[in-house]
Protein backbone atom coordinates (compact mmCIF):
# COMPACT_ATOMS: atom_id res chain seq x y z
CA MET A 1 -30.84 -15.84 26.96
CA ALA A 2 -30.64 -17.63 24.06
CA ASN A 3 -30.24 -14.46 21.70
CA PHE A 4 -27.44 -13.49 24.34
CA PHE A 5 -25.28 -16.78 23.54
CA ASP A 6 -25.92 -16.53 20.28
CA ASN A 7 -24.54 -13.05 19.75
CA LEU A 8 -21.65 -13.83 22.05
CA LYS A 9 -20.89 -16.73 19.76
CA ASP A 10 -20.88 -14.59 16.38
CA SER A 11 -18.70 -11.89 18.19
CA ILE A 12 -16.16 -14.75 18.98
CA SER A 13 -16.42 -15.98 15.69
CA LYS A 14 -15.78 -12.44 14.18
CA GLY A 15 -12.90 -11.81 16.68
CA ALA A 16 -11.40 -15.35 15.52
CA ALA A 17 -11.70 -14.42 12.23
CA THR A 18 -10.13 -11.35 12.29
CA VAL A 19 -7.19 -12.57 14.26
CA ASN A 20 -6.86 -15.05 11.68
CA GLN A 21 -6.57 -12.57 9.14
CA LYS A 22 -3.74 -10.56 10.77
CA ALA A 23 -1.77 -13.49 11.21
CA ASN A 24 -2.37 -14.20 7.66
CA ASP A 25 -1.02 -10.69 6.63
CA LEU A 26 1.95 -10.83 8.72
CA MET A 27 3.07 -14.42 7.42
CA GLU A 28 2.70 -12.52 3.71
CA THR A 29 4.67 -9.69 4.94
CA ASN A 30 7.52 -11.65 6.07
CA LYS A 31 7.49 -13.65 2.98
CA ILE A 32 7.72 -10.29 0.83
CA ASN A 33 10.37 -9.24 2.79
CA GLN A 34 12.33 -12.21 2.58
CA ASP A 35 11.93 -12.12 -1.22
CA ILE A 36 12.97 -8.33 -0.89
CA LYS A 37 16.21 -9.55 0.96
CA ALA A 38 16.96 -12.28 -1.14
CA ALA A 39 16.74 -10.16 -4.30
CA GLN A 40 19.01 -7.52 -2.97
CA GLN A 41 21.29 -10.06 -2.25
CA GLN A 42 21.18 -11.17 -5.42
CA LYS A 43 21.80 -7.93 -7.14
CA ASP A 44 24.90 -7.45 -4.50
CA ALA A 45 26.49 -10.60 -6.26
CA ASP A 46 25.71 -8.98 -9.53
CA ILE A 47 27.17 -5.61 -8.75
CA VAL A 48 30.52 -7.84 -7.20
CA LYS A 49 30.54 -9.89 -10.46
CA LEU A 50 30.80 -6.80 -12.65
CA GLY A 51 33.37 -5.17 -10.60
CA GLN A 52 35.65 -8.29 -10.79
CA LEU A 53 34.86 -8.33 -14.78
CA LEU A 54 35.90 -4.89 -14.79
CA TYR A 55 39.08 -5.15 -12.70
CA ASN A 56 39.99 -8.27 -14.70
CA PHE A 57 39.66 -6.67 -17.92
CA LYS A 58 41.77 -3.40 -16.80
CA LYS A 59 44.33 -5.56 -15.63
CA ASN A 60 44.59 -7.24 -18.89
CA PRO A 61 43.48 -5.03 -21.91
CA ASP A 62 44.36 -7.38 -24.71
CA GLY A 63 42.10 -10.24 -23.67
CA VAL A 64 38.62 -10.34 -24.86
CA GLU A 65 36.16 -7.82 -23.30
CA PRO A 66 33.41 -9.39 -21.10
CA ASP A 67 29.82 -9.05 -21.73
CA TYR A 68 29.03 -6.27 -19.15
CA ASP A 69 25.56 -5.88 -20.72
CA ALA A 70 24.26 -9.34 -19.66
CA VAL A 71 25.14 -8.82 -15.98
CA ILE A 72 23.52 -5.28 -16.10
CA ALA A 73 20.28 -6.40 -17.57
CA ASP A 74 20.11 -9.27 -14.90
CA MET A 75 20.45 -6.28 -12.39
CA ASP A 76 17.57 -4.06 -13.86
CA SER A 77 15.67 -7.58 -13.93
CA ILE A 78 15.98 -7.94 -10.36
CA ASP A 79 15.22 -4.27 -9.49
CA ALA A 80 11.99 -4.58 -11.21
CA LYS A 81 11.16 -7.79 -8.87
CA ILE A 82 12.30 -5.90 -6.02
CA ASP A 83 10.01 -2.89 -6.99
CA SER A 84 7.14 -5.31 -7.56
CA LEU A 85 7.63 -6.83 -3.93
CA LYS A 86 7.66 -3.13 -2.41
CA LYS A 87 4.49 -2.45 -4.37
CA GLN A 88 2.81 -5.61 -2.57
CA LEU A 89 4.07 -4.54 0.44
CA GLN A 90 2.56 -1.40 0.34
CA ASP A 91 -0.97 -2.61 -0.72
CA LEU A 92 -0.69 -4.99 2.10
CA ARG A 93 0.03 -2.43 4.57
CA ASN A 94 -2.75 -0.08 2.86
CA GLU A 95 0.37 2.51 2.38
CA GLN A 96 1.47 4.54 -0.47
CA VAL A 97 4.69 6.32 -1.72
CA CYS A 98 5.28 10.09 -1.61
CA PRO A 99 6.54 11.21 -4.69
CA ASN A 100 9.10 13.80 -3.02
CA CYS A 101 11.05 12.33 -0.38
CA GLY A 102 9.88 8.32 -0.71
CA SER A 103 8.05 7.92 2.97
CA SER A 104 5.54 4.93 3.13
CA VAL A 105 2.14 7.13 3.93
CA PRO A 106 -1.12 5.69 4.73
CA LYS A 107 -3.18 5.60 1.51
CA GLY A 108 -5.62 8.58 1.48
CA THR A 109 -3.36 11.07 3.16
CA ALA A 110 -3.81 14.54 1.72
CA PHE A 111 -0.16 15.95 2.55
CA CYS A 112 2.94 13.40 3.42
CA PRO A 113 3.35 14.10 6.91
CA ASN A 114 7.11 13.77 6.69
CA CYS A 115 7.94 16.91 3.51
CA GLY A 116 4.52 18.40 3.40
CA SER A 117 4.35 17.26 -0.61
CA LYS A 118 0.75 16.97 -1.66
CA MET A 119 0.05 13.48 -2.53
CA PRO A 120 -1.02 12.43 -5.60
CA VAL A 121 -4.74 11.61 -5.74
CA PRO A 122 -5.63 8.15 -7.63
CA GLU A 123 -7.43 7.94 -10.64
CA VAL A 124 -10.80 6.57 -10.10
CA LYS A 125 -12.15 4.78 -13.53
CA PRO A 126 -15.54 5.72 -14.54
CA VAL A 127 -18.56 3.15 -14.00
CA ASN A 128 -20.00 1.76 -17.00
CA PRO A 129 -18.42 4.66 -19.22
CA CYS A 130 -20.42 5.57 -22.61
CA PRO A 131 -18.03 4.72 -25.34
CA SER A 132 -19.41 7.83 -27.10
CA CYS A 133 -19.79 10.77 -24.93
CA GLY A 134 -17.72 8.84 -21.72
CA LYS A 135 -20.12 10.19 -19.12
CA GLU A 136 -21.10 7.47 -16.52
CA ASN A 137 -24.10 5.15 -16.20
CA THR A 138 -25.64 2.91 -14.01
CA PRO A 139 -24.44 -0.35 -13.58
CA GLY A 140 -26.48 -2.71 -15.93
CA ASP A 141 -27.79 0.15 -18.42
CA LYS A 142 -27.90 -0.94 -21.89
CA PHE A 143 -27.88 2.35 -23.11
CA CYS A 144 -26.41 5.62 -22.68
CA GLN A 145 -28.78 7.93 -20.21
CA TYR A 146 -27.28 11.17 -21.94
CA CYS A 147 -26.81 10.17 -25.37
CA GLY A 148 -28.71 6.87 -26.03
CA THR A 149 -25.43 5.17 -27.51
CA PRO A 150 -25.89 1.27 -26.85
CA LEU A 151 -23.10 0.21 -23.94
CA ASN A 152 -21.70 -2.94 -24.74
CA GLN A 153 -19.43 -3.23 -21.98
CA GLU A 154 -20.59 -5.28 -19.32
CA ALA A 155 -20.72 -3.06 -16.09
CA PRO A 156 -18.60 -4.25 -13.19
CA ALA A 157 -19.47 -5.93 -10.49
CA VAL A 158 -19.44 -3.73 -7.35
CA GLU A 159 -18.42 -5.62 -4.70
CA THR A 160 -18.96 -4.68 -0.80
CA ALA A 161 -16.38 -4.90 1.33
CA PRO A 162 -16.91 -7.45 4.82
CA VAL A 163 -17.68 -5.92 7.83
CA VAL A 164 -15.12 -6.64 10.20
CA GLU A 165 -15.92 -5.96 13.87
CA ALA A 166 -13.42 -5.11 16.09
CA ALA A 167 -12.52 -8.12 19.01
CA PRO A 168 -13.83 -6.90 22.53
CA THR A 169 -11.45 -4.92 24.38
CA GLU A 170 -11.28 -5.77 28.23
CA ALA A 171 -12.40 -3.45 31.00
CA PRO A 172 -10.08 -1.56 33.18
CA VAL A 173 -9.59 -2.94 36.52
CA ALA A 174 -11.81 -1.22 39.02
CA GLY A 175 -9.66 1.52 40.68
CA GLU A 176 -7.23 2.03 37.73
CA ILE A 177 -7.02 5.08 36.11
CA PRO A 178 -6.19 4.60 32.43
CA ALA A 179 -3.24 6.63 30.91
CA GLU A 180 -4.26 8.83 27.80
CA ALA A 181 -1.85 9.98 25.13
CA PRO A 182 -1.26 13.58 24.28
CA VAL A 183 -3.63 14.61 21.26
CA HIS A 184 -1.93 16.98 19.06
CA MET A 185 -3.83 19.60 17.01
CA CYS A 186 -2.82 21.28 13.93
CA PRO A 187 -3.01 24.89 14.50
CA GLN A 188 -4.14 25.70 11.25
CA CYS A 189 -7.39 23.34 10.79
CA GLY A 190 -7.50 21.60 13.78
CA THR A 191 -6.77 18.09 12.77
CA PRO A 192 -4.67 15.74 15.34
CA TYR A 193 -1.67 14.99 14.05
CA ASN A 194 1.09 12.34 15.35
CA GLU A 195 4.01 13.24 17.08
CA GLY A 196 7.03 13.67 14.85
CA ASP A 197 4.79 14.64 11.81
CA LYS A 198 6.65 17.94 10.30
CA PHE A 199 3.81 19.03 8.19
CA CYS A 200 -0.44 18.70 8.82
CA GLN A 201 -1.59 15.33 6.56
CA ASN A 202 -4.83 17.74 5.88
CA CYS A 203 -4.11 20.97 5.13
CA GLY A 204 0.14 21.24 4.90
CA GLN A 205 0.62 23.46 7.43
CA THR A 206 4.16 23.36 8.85
CA LEU A 207 3.75 21.94 12.67
């Protein structure tokens, strides 16, 4: 009986931690979206300012030509800030951008479900690489296993992601038959796909 209550307490604690993490992610997402909105409003104001400067100069060409470059440089800085915020948002949502159509796609997807383009494979950096032959070595090795060259760089620490258990789901009411969503399968490779996808995320087959 004691083990039952200990396991129940542990499950409740893990469930609460999961809920708390999701709440923090939601708050961070909202903050980033607000920052993107504020930056875009600032850029819109610069566009209006740039147009006003150009209009005034065209109306009075004998005057001193305004400094357009300063406004354009400010707009470029805002664009860089927006791109950085969007990258943070994608990392928070575990998404990447399709290089062809710009759609947000879950990381690890082989093909874009919107346009069918092959998604880029992220570059995997070698672990404890040898400075001479470039081959990987076991973390902690002091000499290369292949050519004997001393490994001067400290091997990076390998972190294991914490295992997060899903919160317990409620049991269905007696006599109630749960509705099941239809499962769509790719006719080429059999991989399930979502309603509205135009291309298979696994093999690129047109759906």
